[in-house]
């Protein structure tokens, strides 16, 4: 084997090992840690854009019927839900709302 072939094979092997290491590192970040950075915010989703919990007659994600449906939620950055500015000087809620917010 020539020196060029050995160097080339070493470079390919190194690149492959770096790719495997990077993949392992990325997959080792727990989904729970990512979830901790978000919170469920009720009453802020636009119609059909909710992440889940859209009330009776709906299945889940993307099934809210109106904008700002009170019993549907969307994931938002932790700490931002109750500070979001919505129509009618309303704010998002960390708990399901009994009525929809005004559009």
PDB file of N, CA and C in Angstrom:
ATOM      1  N   UNK A   1       0.837  -1.168   0.000  1.00  0.00           N
ATOM      2  CA  UNK A   1       0.000   0.000   0.000  1.00  0.00           C
ATOM      3  C   UNK A   1       0.886   1.236   0.000  1.00  0.00           C
ATOM      4  N   UNK A   2       0.450   2.228  -0.755  1.00  0.00           N
ATOM      5  CA  UNK A   2       1.247   3.450  -0.807  1.00  0.00           C
ATOM      6  C   UNK A   2       0.916   4.352   0.381  1.00  0.00           C
ATOM      7  N   UNK A   3       1.786   5.287   0.637  1.00  0.00           N
ATOM      8  CA  UNK A   3       1.588   6.235   1.737  1.00  0.00           C
ATOM      9  C   UNK A   3       0.320   7.049   1.511  1.00  0.00           C
ATOM     10  N   UNK A   4       0.051   7.436   0.260  1.00  0.00           N
ATOM     11  CA  UNK A   4      -1.152   8.212  -0.045  1.00  0.00           C
ATOM     12  C   UNK A   4      -2.407   7.415   0.295  1.00  0.00           C
ATOM     13  N   UNK A   5      -2.415   6.141   0.011  1.00  0.00           N
ATOM     14  CA  UNK A   5      -3.577   5.295   0.290  1.00  0.00           C
ATOM     15  C   UNK A   5      -3.801   5.180   1.792  1.00  0.00           C
ATOM     16  N   UNK A   6      -2.734   4.996   2.556  1.00  0.00           N
ATOM     17  CA  UNK A   6      -2.839   4.880   4.009  1.00  0.00           C
ATOM     18  C   UNK A   6      -3.344   6.187   4.613  1.00  0.00           C
ATOM     19  N   UNK A   7      -2.802   7.303   4.149  1.00  0.00           N
ATOM     20  CA  UNK A   7      -3.226   8.609   4.664  1.00  0.00           C
ATOM     21  C   UNK A   7      -4.696   8.851   4.306  1.00  0.00           C
ATOM     22  N   UNK A   8      -5.080   8.522   3.093  1.00  0.00           N
ATOM     23  CA  UNK A   8      -6.469   8.701   2.655  1.00  0.00           C
ATOM     24  C   UNK A   8      -7.418   7.847   3.475  1.00  0.00           C
ATOM     25  N   UNK A   9      -7.045   6.597   3.702  1.00  0.00           N
ATOM     26  CA  UNK A   9      -7.885   5.698   4.496  1.00  0.00           C
ATOM     27  C   UNK A   9      -7.989   6.196   5.926  1.00  0.00           C
ATOM     28  N   UNK A  10      -6.904   6.713   6.473  1.00  0.00           N
ATOM     29  CA  UNK A  10      -6.920   7.255   7.834  1.00  0.00           C
ATOM     30  C   UNK A  10      -7.833   8.472   7.921  1.00  0.00           C
ATOM     31  N   UNK A  11      -7.787   9.318   6.913  1.00  0.00           N
ATOM     32  CA  UNK A  11      -8.638  10.510   6.904  1.00  0.00           C
ATOM     33  C   UNK A  11     -10.105  10.115   6.847  1.00  0.00           C
ATOM     34  N   UNK A  12     -10.439   9.142   6.022  1.00  0.00           N
ATOM     35  CA  UNK A  12     -11.827   8.673   5.918  1.00  0.00           C
ATOM     36  C   UNK A  12     -12.268   8.048   7.239  1.00  0.00           C
ATOM     37  N   UNK A  13     -11.420   7.241   7.845  1.00  0.00           N
ATOM     38  CA  UNK A  13     -11.748   6.617   9.124  1.00  0.00           C
ATOM     39  C   UNK A  13     -11.946   7.660  10.216  1.00  0.00           C
ATOM     40  N   UNK A  14     -11.096   8.672  10.235  1.00  0.00           N
ATOM     41  CA  UNK A  14     -11.231   9.746  11.226  1.00  0.00           C
ATOM     42  C   UNK A  14     -12.536  10.505  11.040  1.00  0.00           C
ATOM     43  N   UNK A  15     -12.869  10.823   9.801  1.00  0.00           N
ATOM     44  CA  UNK A  15     -14.115  11.544   9.527  1.00  0.00           C
ATOM     45  C   UNK A  15     -15.318  10.715   9.941  1.00  0.00           C
ATOM     46  N   UNK A  16     -15.267   9.430   9.685  1.00  0.00           N
ATOM     47  CA  UNK A  16     -16.359   8.533  10.069  1.00  0.00           C
ATOM     48  C   UNK A  16     -16.506   8.479  11.584  1.00  0.00           C
ATOM     49  N   UNK A  17     -15.406   8.375  12.296  1.00  0.00           N
ATOM     50  CA  UNK A  17     -15.453   8.329  13.761  1.00  0.00           C
ATOM     51  C   UNK A  17     -15.988   9.642  14.336  1.00  0.00           C
ATOM     52  N   UNK A  18     -15.608  10.760  13.735  1.00  0.00           N
ATOM     53  CA  UNK A  18     -16.116  12.054  14.205  1.00  0.00           C
ATOM     54  C   UNK A  18     -17.620  12.150  13.984  1.00  0.00           C
ATOM     55  N   UNK A  19     -18.096  11.646  12.850  1.00  0.00           N
ATOM     56  CA  UNK A  19     -19.532  11.674  12.571  1.00  0.00           C
ATOM     57  C   UNK A  19     -20.293  10.812  13.566  1.00  0.00           C
ATOM     58  N   UNK A  20     -19.758   9.638  13.879  1.00  0.00           N
ATOM     59  CA  UNK A  20     -20.395   8.747  14.860  1.00  0.00           C
ATOM     60  C   UNK A  20     -20.397   9.399  16.239  1.00  0.00           C
ATOM     61  N   UNK A  21     -19.303  10.018  16.616  1.00  0.00           N
ATOM     62  CA  UNK A  21     -19.224  10.690  17.914  1.00  0.00           C
ATOM     63  C   UNK A  21     -20.227  11.830  18.006  1.00  0.00           C
ATOM     64  N   UNK A  22     -20.352  12.606  16.947  1.00  0.00           N
ATOM     65  CA  UNK A  22     -21.296  13.722  16.948  1.00  0.00           C
ATOM     66  C   UNK A  22     -22.723  13.217  17.052  1.00  0.00           C
ATOM     67  N   UNK A  23     -23.036  12.144  16.330  1.00  0.00           N
ATOM     68  CA  UNK A  23     -24.375  11.565  16.395  1.00  0.00           C
ATOM     69  C   UNK A  23     -24.668  11.054  17.788  1.00  0.00           C
ATOM     70  N   UNK A  24     -23.711  10.407  18.407  1.00  0.00           N
ATOM     71  CA  UNK A  24     -23.896   9.891  19.761  1.00  0.00           C
ATOM     72  C   UNK A  24     -24.108  11.030  20.738  1.00  0.00           C
ATOM     73  N   UNK A  25     -23.348  12.102  20.594  1.00  0.00           N
ATOM     74  CA  UNK A  25     -23.498  13.247  21.490  1.00  0.00           C
ATOM     75  C   UNK A  25     -24.877  13.871  21.344  1.00  0.00           C
ATOM     76  N   UNK A  26     -25.327  14.099  20.118  1.00  0.00           N
ATOM     77  CA  UNK A  26     -26.623  14.717  19.891  1.00  0.00           C
ATOM     78  C   UNK A  26     -27.737  13.840  20.445  1.00  0.00           C
ATOM     79  N   UNK A  27     -27.648  12.532  20.231  1.00  0.00           N
ATOM     80  CA  UNK A  27     -28.712  11.658  20.709  1.00  0.00           C
ATOM     81  C   UNK A  27     -28.653  11.456  22.216  1.00  0.00           C
ATOM     82  N   UNK A  28     -27.538  11.827  22.865  1.00  0.00           N
ATOM     83  CA  UNK A  28     -27.444  11.650  24.311  1.00  0.00           C
ATOM     84  C   UNK A  28     -28.113  12.784  25.076  1.00  0.00           C
ATOM     85  N   UNK A  29     -28.481  13.875  24.385  1.00  0.00           N
ATOM     86  CA  UNK A  29     -29.220  14.945  25.044  1.00  0.00           C
ATOM     87  C   UNK A  29     -30.631  14.420  25.239  1.00  0.00           C
ATOM     88  N   UNK A  30     -31.064  14.347  26.474  1.00  0.00           N
ATOM     89  CA  UNK A  30     -32.338  13.691  26.751  1.00  0.00           C
ATOM     90  C   UNK A  30     -33.518  14.519  26.272  1.00  0.00           C
ATOM     91  N   UNK A  31     -34.546  13.843  25.741  1.00  0.00           N
ATOM     92  CA  UNK A  31     -35.754  14.545  25.343  1.00  0.00           C
ATOM     93  C   UNK A  31     -36.397  15.254  26.535  1.00  0.00           C
ATOM     94  N   UNK A  32     -36.233  14.704  27.722  1.00  0.00           N
ATOM     95  CA  UNK A  32     -36.794  15.323  28.923  1.00  0.00           C
ATOM     96  C   UNK A  32     -36.167  16.698  29.156  1.00  0.00           C
ATOM     97  N   UNK A  33     -34.874  16.830  28.889  1.00  0.00           N
ATOM     98  CA  UNK A  33     -34.210  18.123  29.067  1.00  0.00           C
ATOM     99  C   UNK A  33     -34.769  19.139  28.076  1.00  0.00           C
ATOM    100  N   UNK A  34     -35.033  18.708  26.855  1.00  0.00           N
ATOM    101  CA  UNK A  34     -35.618  19.607  25.860  1.00  0.00           C
ATOM    102  C   UNK A  34     -37.033  19.993  26.276  1.00  0.00           C
ATOM    103  N   UNK A  35     -37.795  19.036  26.815  1.00  0.00           N
ATOM    104  CA  UNK A  35     -39.159  19.319  27.274  1.00  0.00           C
ATOM    105  C   UNK A  35     -39.162  20.287  28.446  1.00  0.00           C
ATOM    106  N   UNK A  36     -38.134  20.254  29.282  1.00  0.00           N
ATOM    107  CA  UNK A  36     -38.064  21.145  30.438  1.00  0.00           C
ATOM    108  C   UNK A  36     -37.951  22.610  30.011  1.00  0.00           C
ATOM    109  N   UNK A  37     -37.512  22.847  28.804  1.00  0.00           N
ATOM    110  CA  UNK A  37     -37.350  24.212  28.318  1.00  0.00           C
ATOM    111  C   UNK A  37     -38.650  24.765  27.737  1.00  0.00           C
ATOM    112  N   UNK A  38     -39.702  23.941  27.722  1.00  0.00           N
ATOM    113  CA  UNK A  38     -40.985  24.359  27.166  1.00  0.00           C
ATOM    114  C   UNK A  38     -42.095  24.108  28.167  1.00  0.00           C
ATOM    115  N   UNK A  39     -43.217  24.790  27.951  1.00  0.00           N
ATOM    116  CA  UNK A  39     -44.390  24.567  28.795  1.00  0.00           C
ATOM    117  C   UNK A  39     -45.635  24.609  27.928  1.00  0.00           C
ATOM    118  N   UNK A  40     -46.690  23.938  28.387  1.00  0.00           N
ATOM    119  CA  UNK A  40     -47.960  23.959  27.687  1.00  0.00           C
ATOM    120  C   UNK A  40     -48.648  25.289  27.993  1.00  0.00           C
ATOM    121  N   UNK A  41     -49.070  25.966  26.951  1.00  0.00           N
ATOM    122  CA  UNK A  41     -49.732  27.258  27.110  1.00  0.00           C
ATOM    123  C   UNK A  41     -51.110  27.185  26.448  1.00  0.00           C
ATOM    124  N   UNK A  42     -52.148  27.306  27.263  1.00  0.00           N
ATOM    125  CA  UNK A  42     -53.520  27.208  26.782  1.00  0.00           C
ATOM    126  C   UNK A  42     -54.012  28.547  26.261  1.00  0.00           C
ATOM    127  N   UNK A  43     -54.854  28.470  25.210  1.00  0.00           N
ATOM    128  CA  UNK A  43     -55.508  29.663  24.695  1.00  0.00           C
ATOM    129  C   UNK A  43     -54.678  30.521  23.766  1.00  0.00           C
ATOM    130  N   UNK A  44     -53.558  30.017  23.262  1.00  0.00           N
ATOM    131  CA  UNK A  44     -52.704  30.842  22.404  1.00  0.00           C
ATOM    132  C   UNK A  44     -52.605  30.333  20.972  1.00  0.00           C
ATOM    133  N   UNK A  45     -53.074  29.115  20.715  1.00  0.00           N
ATOM    134  CA  UNK A  45     -52.919  28.522  19.389  1.00  0.00           C
ATOM    135  C   UNK A  45     -53.951  29.064  18.407  1.00  0.00           C
ATOM    136  N   UNK A  46     -53.531  29.192  17.176  1.00  0.00           N
ATOM    137  CA  UNK A  46     -54.453  29.561  16.106  1.00  0.00           C
ATOM    138  C   UNK A  46     -55.210  28.296  15.699  1.00  0.00           C
ATOM    139  N   UNK A  47     -56.373  28.453  15.062  1.00  0.00           N
ATOM    140  CA  UNK A  47     -57.189  27.311  14.644  1.00  0.00           C
ATOM    141  C   UNK A  47     -56.348  26.322  13.830  1.00  0.00           C
ATOM    142  N   UNK A  48     -56.401  25.060  14.234  1.00  0.00           N
ATOM    143  CA  UNK A  48     -55.679  24.013  13.529  1.00  0.00           C
ATOM    144  C   UNK A  48     -54.187  23.974  13.787  1.00  0.00           C
ATOM    145  N   UNK A  49     -53.675  24.798  14.685  1.00  0.00           N
ATOM    146  CA  UNK A  49     -52.234  24.867  14.948  1.00  0.00           C
ATOM    147  C   UNK A  49     -51.871  24.466  16.376  1.00  0.00           C
ATOM    148  N   UNK A  50     -52.817  23.912  17.121  1.00  0.00           N
ATOM    149  CA  UNK A  50     -52.531  23.517  18.501  1.00  0.00           C
ATOM    150  C   UNK A  50     -51.669  22.264  18.537  1.00  0.00           C
ATOM    151  N   UNK A  51     -50.944  22.076  19.643  1.00  0.00           N
ATOM    152  CA  UNK A  51     -50.144  20.871  19.807  1.00  0.00           C
ATOM    153  C   UNK A  51     -50.992  19.725  20.354  1.00  0.00           C
ATOM    154  N   UNK A  52     -51.997  20.018  21.172  1.00  0.00           N
ATOM    155  CA  UNK A  52     -52.894  18.966  21.645  1.00  0.00           C
ATOM    156  C   UNK A  52     -54.025  19.554  22.480  1.00  0.00           C
ATOM    157  N   UNK A  53     -54.832  18.671  23.066  1.00  0.00           N
ATOM    158  CA  UNK A  53     -55.943  19.014  23.960  1.00  0.00           C
ATOM    159  C   UNK A  53     -56.853  20.077  23.380  1.00  0.00           C
ATOM    160  N   UNK A  54     -57.714  19.674  22.471  1.00  0.00           N
ATOM    161  CA  UNK A  54     -58.616  20.636  21.844  1.00  0.00           C
ATOM    162  C   UNK A  54     -60.079  20.374  22.182  1.00  0.00           C
ATOM    163  N   UNK A  55     -60.350  19.620  23.207  1.00  0.00           N
ATOM    164  CA  UNK A  55     -61.714  19.451  23.689  1.00  0.00           C
ATOM    165  C   UNK A  55     -62.513  18.360  23.004  1.00  0.00           C
ATOM    166  N   UNK A  56     -63.786  18.245  23.397  1.00  0.00           N
ATOM    167  CA  UNK A  56     -64.665  17.198  22.872  1.00  0.00           C
ATOM    168  C   UNK A  56     -64.792  17.277  21.353  1.00  0.00           C
ATOM    169  N   UNK A  57     -64.842  16.118  20.723  1.00  0.00           N
ATOM    170  CA  UNK A  57     -65.012  16.058  19.278  1.00  0.00           C
ATOM    171  C   UNK A  57     -63.735  16.267  18.490  1.00  0.00           C
ATOM    172  N   UNK A  58     -62.603  16.374  19.170  1.00  0.00           N
ATOM    173  CA  UNK A  58     -61.325  16.537  18.478  1.00  0.00           C
ATOM    174  C   UNK A  58     -60.400  15.402  18.891  1.00  0.00           C
ATOM    175  N   UNK A  59     -59.399  15.151  18.099  1.00  0.00           N
ATOM    176  CA  UNK A  59     -58.490  14.053  18.405  1.00  0.00           C
ATOM    177  C   UNK A  59     -57.228  14.511  19.099  1.00  0.00           C
ATOM    178  N   UNK A  60     -56.643  15.587  18.663  1.00  0.00           N
ATOM    179  CA  UNK A  60     -55.455  16.117  19.336  1.00  0.00           C
ATOM    180  C   UNK A  60     -54.812  17.200  18.499  1.00  0.00           C
ATOM    181  N   UNK A  61     -53.537  17.047  18.186  1.00  0.00           N
ATOM    182  CA  UNK A  61     -52.774  18.095  17.506  1.00  0.00           C
ATOM    183  C   UNK A  61     -53.433  18.537  16.201  1.00  0.00           C
ATOM    184  N   UNK A  62     -53.502  19.849  16.023  1.00  0.00           N
ATOM    185  CA  UNK A  62     -54.026  20.419  14.793  1.00  0.00           C
ATOM    186  C   UNK A  62     -55.536  20.364  14.657  1.00  0.00           C
ATOM    187  N   UNK A  63     -56.251  20.127  15.752  1.00  0.00           N
ATOM    188  CA  UNK A  63     -57.703  19.961  15.661  1.00  0.00           C
ATOM    189  C   UNK A  63     -58.501  21.077  16.327  1.00  0.00           C
ATOM    190  N   UNK A  64     -57.853  22.126  16.788  1.00  0.00           N
ATOM    191  CA  UNK A  64     -58.623  23.224  17.391  1.00  0.00           C
ATOM    192  C   UNK A  64     -59.479  23.869  16.312  1.00  0.00           C
ATOM    193  N   UNK A  65     -60.658  24.296  16.693  1.00  0.00           N
ATOM    194  CA  UNK A  65     -61.630  24.802  15.728  1.00  0.00           C
ATOM    195  C   UNK A  65     -61.574  26.316  15.534  1.00  0.00           C
ATOM    196  N   UNK A  66     -61.113  27.037  16.545  1.00  0.00           N
ATOM    197  CA  UNK A  66     -61.082  28.495  16.479  1.00  0.00           C
ATOM    198  C   UNK A  66     -59.735  29.013  16.980  1.00  0.00           C
ATOM    199  N   UNK A  67     -59.413  30.231  16.639  1.00  0.00           N
ATOM    200  CA  UNK A  67     -58.205  30.865  17.176  1.00  0.00           C
ATOM    201  C   UNK A  67     -58.353  31.035  18.684  1.00  0.00           C
ATOM    202  N   UNK A  68     -57.287  30.828  19.401  1.00  0.00           N
ATOM    203  CA  UNK A  68     -57.223  31.032  20.854  1.00  0.00           C
ATOM    204  C   UNK A  68     -58.210  30.154  21.627  1.00  0.00           C
ATOM    205  N   UNK A  69     -58.468  28.956  21.125  1.00  0.00           N
ATOM    206  CA  UNK A  69     -59.392  28.036  21.813  1.00  0.00           C
ATOM    207  C   UNK A  69     -58.868  27.766  23.215  1.00  0.00           C
ATOM    208  N   UNK A  70     -59.699  27.984  24.206  1.00  0.00           N
ATOM    209  CA  UNK A  70     -59.276  27.937  25.603  1.00  0.00           C
ATOM    210  C   UNK A  70     -58.804  26.603  26.114  1.00  0.00           C
ATOM    211  N   UNK A  71     -59.291  25.511  25.533  1.00  0.00           N
ATOM    212  CA  UNK A  71     -58.896  24.196  26.023  1.00  0.00           C
ATOM    213  C   UNK A  71     -57.872  23.522  25.121  1.00  0.00           C
ATOM    214  N   UNK A  72     -57.284  24.258  24.201  1.00  0.00           N
ATOM    215  CA  UNK A  72     -56.191  23.706  23.392  1.00  0.00           C
ATOM    216  C   UNK A  72     -54.895  24.389  23.800  1.00  0.00           C
ATOM    217  N   UNK A  73     -53.803  23.655  23.684  1.00  0.00           N
ATOM    218  CA  UNK A  73     -52.519  24.232  24.099  1.00  0.00           C
ATOM    219  C   UNK A  73     -51.478  24.111  23.014  1.00  0.00           C
ATOM    220  N   UNK A  74     -50.456  24.910  23.176  1.00  0.00           N
ATOM    221  CA  UNK A  74     -49.297  24.912  22.286  1.00  0.00           C
ATOM    222  C   UNK A  74     -48.053  24.981  23.161  1.00  0.00           C
ATOM    223  N   UNK A  75     -46.996  24.269  22.778  1.00  0.00           N
ATOM    224  CA  UNK A  75     -45.738  24.379  23.511  1.00  0.00           C
ATOM    225  C   UNK A  75     -45.111  25.742  23.230  1.00  0.00           C
ATOM    226  N   UNK A  76     -44.681  26.409  24.284  1.00  0.00           N
ATOM    227  CA  UNK A  76     -43.980  27.691  24.158  1.00  0.00           C
ATOM    228  C   UNK A  76     -42.746  27.639  25.061  1.00  0.00           C
ATOM    229  N   UNK A  77     -41.838  28.552  24.865  1.00  0.00           N
ATOM    230  CA  UNK A  77     -40.637  28.619  25.708  1.00  0.00           C
ATOM    231  C   UNK A  77     -41.062  28.820  27.166  1.00  0.00           C
ATOM    232  N   UNK A  78     -40.440  28.083  28.051  1.00  0.00           N
ATOM    233  CA  UNK A  78     -40.784  28.156  29.470  1.00  0.00           C
ATOM    234  C   UNK A  78     -40.682  29.594  29.974  1.00  0.00           C
ATOM    235  N   UNK A  79     -41.706  30.017  30.711  1.00  0.00           N
ATOM    236  CA  UNK A  79     -41.716  31.345  31.284  1.00  0.00           C
ATOM    237  C   UNK A  79     -42.342  32.412  30.405  1.00  0.00           C
ATOM    238  N   UNK A  80     -42.785  32.040  29.189  1.00  0.00           N
ATOM    239  CA  UNK A  80     -43.341  33.051  28.283  1.00  0.00           C
ATOM    240  C   UNK A  80     -44.860  33.005  28.161  1.00  0.00           C
ATOM    241  N   UNK A  81     -45.490  31.941  28.589  1.00  0.00           N
ATOM    242  CA  UNK A  81     -46.927  31.762  28.379  1.00  0.00           C
ATOM    243  C   UNK A  81     -47.756  32.911  28.942  1.00  0.00           C
ATOM    244  N   UNK A  82     -47.585  33.206  30.182  1.00  0.00           N
ATOM    245  CA  UNK A  82     -48.443  34.200  30.829  1.00  0.00           C
ATOM    246  C   UNK A  82     -48.032  35.640  30.527  1.00  0.00           C
ATOM    247  N   UNK A  83     -46.986  35.799  29.726  1.00  0.00           N
ATOM    248  CA  UNK A  83     -46.578  37.155  29.346  1.00  0.00           C
ATOM    249  C   UNK A  83     -46.883  37.455  27.878  1.00  0.00           C
ATOM    250  N   UNK A  84     -47.425  36.476  27.156  1.00  0.00           N
ATOM    251  CA  UNK A  84     -47.754  36.685  25.745  1.00  0.00           C
ATOM    252  C   UNK A  84     -48.886  37.696  25.628  1.00  0.00           C
ATOM    253  N   UNK A  85     -48.763  38.610  24.683  1.00  0.00           N
ATOM    254  CA  UNK A  85     -49.818  39.589  24.462  1.00  0.00           C
ATOM    255  C   UNK A  85     -50.763  39.054  23.396  1.00  0.00           C
ATOM    256  N   UNK A  86     -52.020  38.908  23.760  1.00  0.00           N
ATOM    257  CA  UNK A  86     -53.041  38.398  22.865  1.00  0.00           C
ATOM    258  C   UNK A  86     -54.132  39.447  22.703  1.00  0.00           C
ATOM    259  N   UNK A  87     -55.009  39.278  21.711  1.00  0.00           N
ATOM    260  CA  UNK A  87     -56.099  40.240  21.519  1.00  0.00           C
ATOM    261  C   UNK A  87     -56.926  40.420  22.797  1.00  0.00           C
ATOM    262  N   UNK A  88     -57.432  41.608  22.997  1.00  0.00           N
ATOM    263  CA  UNK A  88     -58.276  41.891  24.151  1.00  0.00           C
ATOM    264  C   UNK A  88     -57.518  41.940  25.459  1.00  0.00           C
ATOM    265  N   UNK A  89     -56.238  42.260  25.405  1.00  0.00           N
ATOM    266  CA  UNK A  89     -55.399  42.317  26.603  1.00  0.00           C
ATOM    267  C   UNK A  89     -55.419  41.030  27.409  1.00  0.00           C
ATOM    268  N   UNK A  90     -55.581  39.914  26.735  1.00  0.00           N
ATOM    269  CA  UNK A  90     -55.571  38.596  27.388  1.00  0.00           C
ATOM    270  C   UNK A  90     -54.166  38.031  27.338  1.00  0.00           C
ATOM    271  N   UNK A  91     -53.944  37.020  28.141  1.00  0.00           N
ATOM    272  CA  UNK A  91     -52.660  36.328  28.172  1.00  0.00           C
ATOM    273  C   UNK A  91     -52.907  34.833  28.128  1.00  0.00           C
ATOM    274  N   UNK A  92     -51.861  34.085  27.751  1.00  0.00           N
ATOM    275  CA  UNK A  92     -51.968  32.638  27.770  1.00  0.00           C
ATOM    276  C   UNK A  92     -52.107  32.155  29.202  1.00  0.00           C
ATOM    277  N   UNK A  93     -52.489  30.888  29.345  1.00  0.00           N
ATOM    278  CA  UNK A  93     -52.702  30.310  30.664  1.00  0.00           C
ATOM    279  C   UNK A  93     -51.990  28.965  30.767  1.00  0.00           C
ATOM    280  N   UNK A  94     -51.486  28.664  31.955  1.00  0.00           N
ATOM    281  CA  UNK A  94     -50.844  27.366  32.186  1.00  0.00           C
ATOM    282  C   UNK A  94     -51.883  26.284  32.467  1.00  0.00           C
ATOM    283  N   UNK A  95     -53.154  26.667  32.567  1.00  0.00           N
ATOM    284  CA  UNK A  95     -54.249  25.725  32.775  1.00  0.00           C
ATOM    285  C   UNK A  95     -55.301  25.966  31.718  1.00  0.00           C
ATOM    286  N   UNK A  96     -56.057  24.914  31.382  1.00  0.00           N
ATOM    287  CA  UNK A  96     -57.112  25.047  30.379  1.00  0.00           C
ATOM    288  C   UNK A  96     -58.099  26.132  30.795  1.00  0.00           C
ATOM    289  N   UNK A  97     -58.528  26.905  29.809  1.00  0.00           N
ATOM    290  CA  UNK A  97     -59.491  27.971  30.042  1.00  0.00           C
ATOM    291  C   UNK A  97     -60.905  27.436  29.772  1.00  0.00           C
ATOM    292  N   UNK A  98     -61.874  27.942  30.506  1.00  0.00           N
ATOM    293  CA  UNK A  98     -63.252  27.472  30.325  1.00  0.00           C
ATOM    294  C   UNK A  98     -63.894  28.063  29.069  1.00  0.00           C
ATOM    295  N   UNK A  99     -63.321  29.146  28.554  1.00  0.00           N
ATOM    296  CA  UNK A  99     -63.866  29.735  27.332  1.00  0.00           C
ATOM    297  C   UNK A  99     -62.722  30.134  26.414  1.00  0.00           C
ATOM    298  N   UNK A 100     -63.046  30.353  25.165  1.00  0.00           N
ATOM    299  CA  UNK A 100     -62.049  30.759  24.185  1.00  0.00           C
ATOM    300  C   UNK A 100     -61.715  32.223  24.377  1.00  0.00           C
ATOM    301  N   UNK A 101     -60.493  32.584  24.061  1.00  0.00           N
ATOM    302  CA  UNK A 101     -60.101  33.993  24.122  1.00  0.00           C
ATOM    303  C   UNK A 101     -60.639  34.690  22.873  1.00  0.00           C
ATOM    304  N   UNK A 102     -60.922  35.978  22.928  1.00  0.00           N
ATOM    305  CA  UNK A 102     -61.432  36.682  21.747  1.00  0.00           C
ATOM    306  C   UNK A 102     -60.388  36.735  20.640  1.00  0.00           C
ATOM    307  N   UNK A 103     -60.856  36.605  19.417  1.00  0.00           N
ATOM    308  CA  UNK A 103     -59.934  36.607  18.272  1.00  0.00           C
ATOM    309  C   UNK A 103     -59.439  37.980  17.935  1.00  0.00           C
TER     310      UNK A 103
END
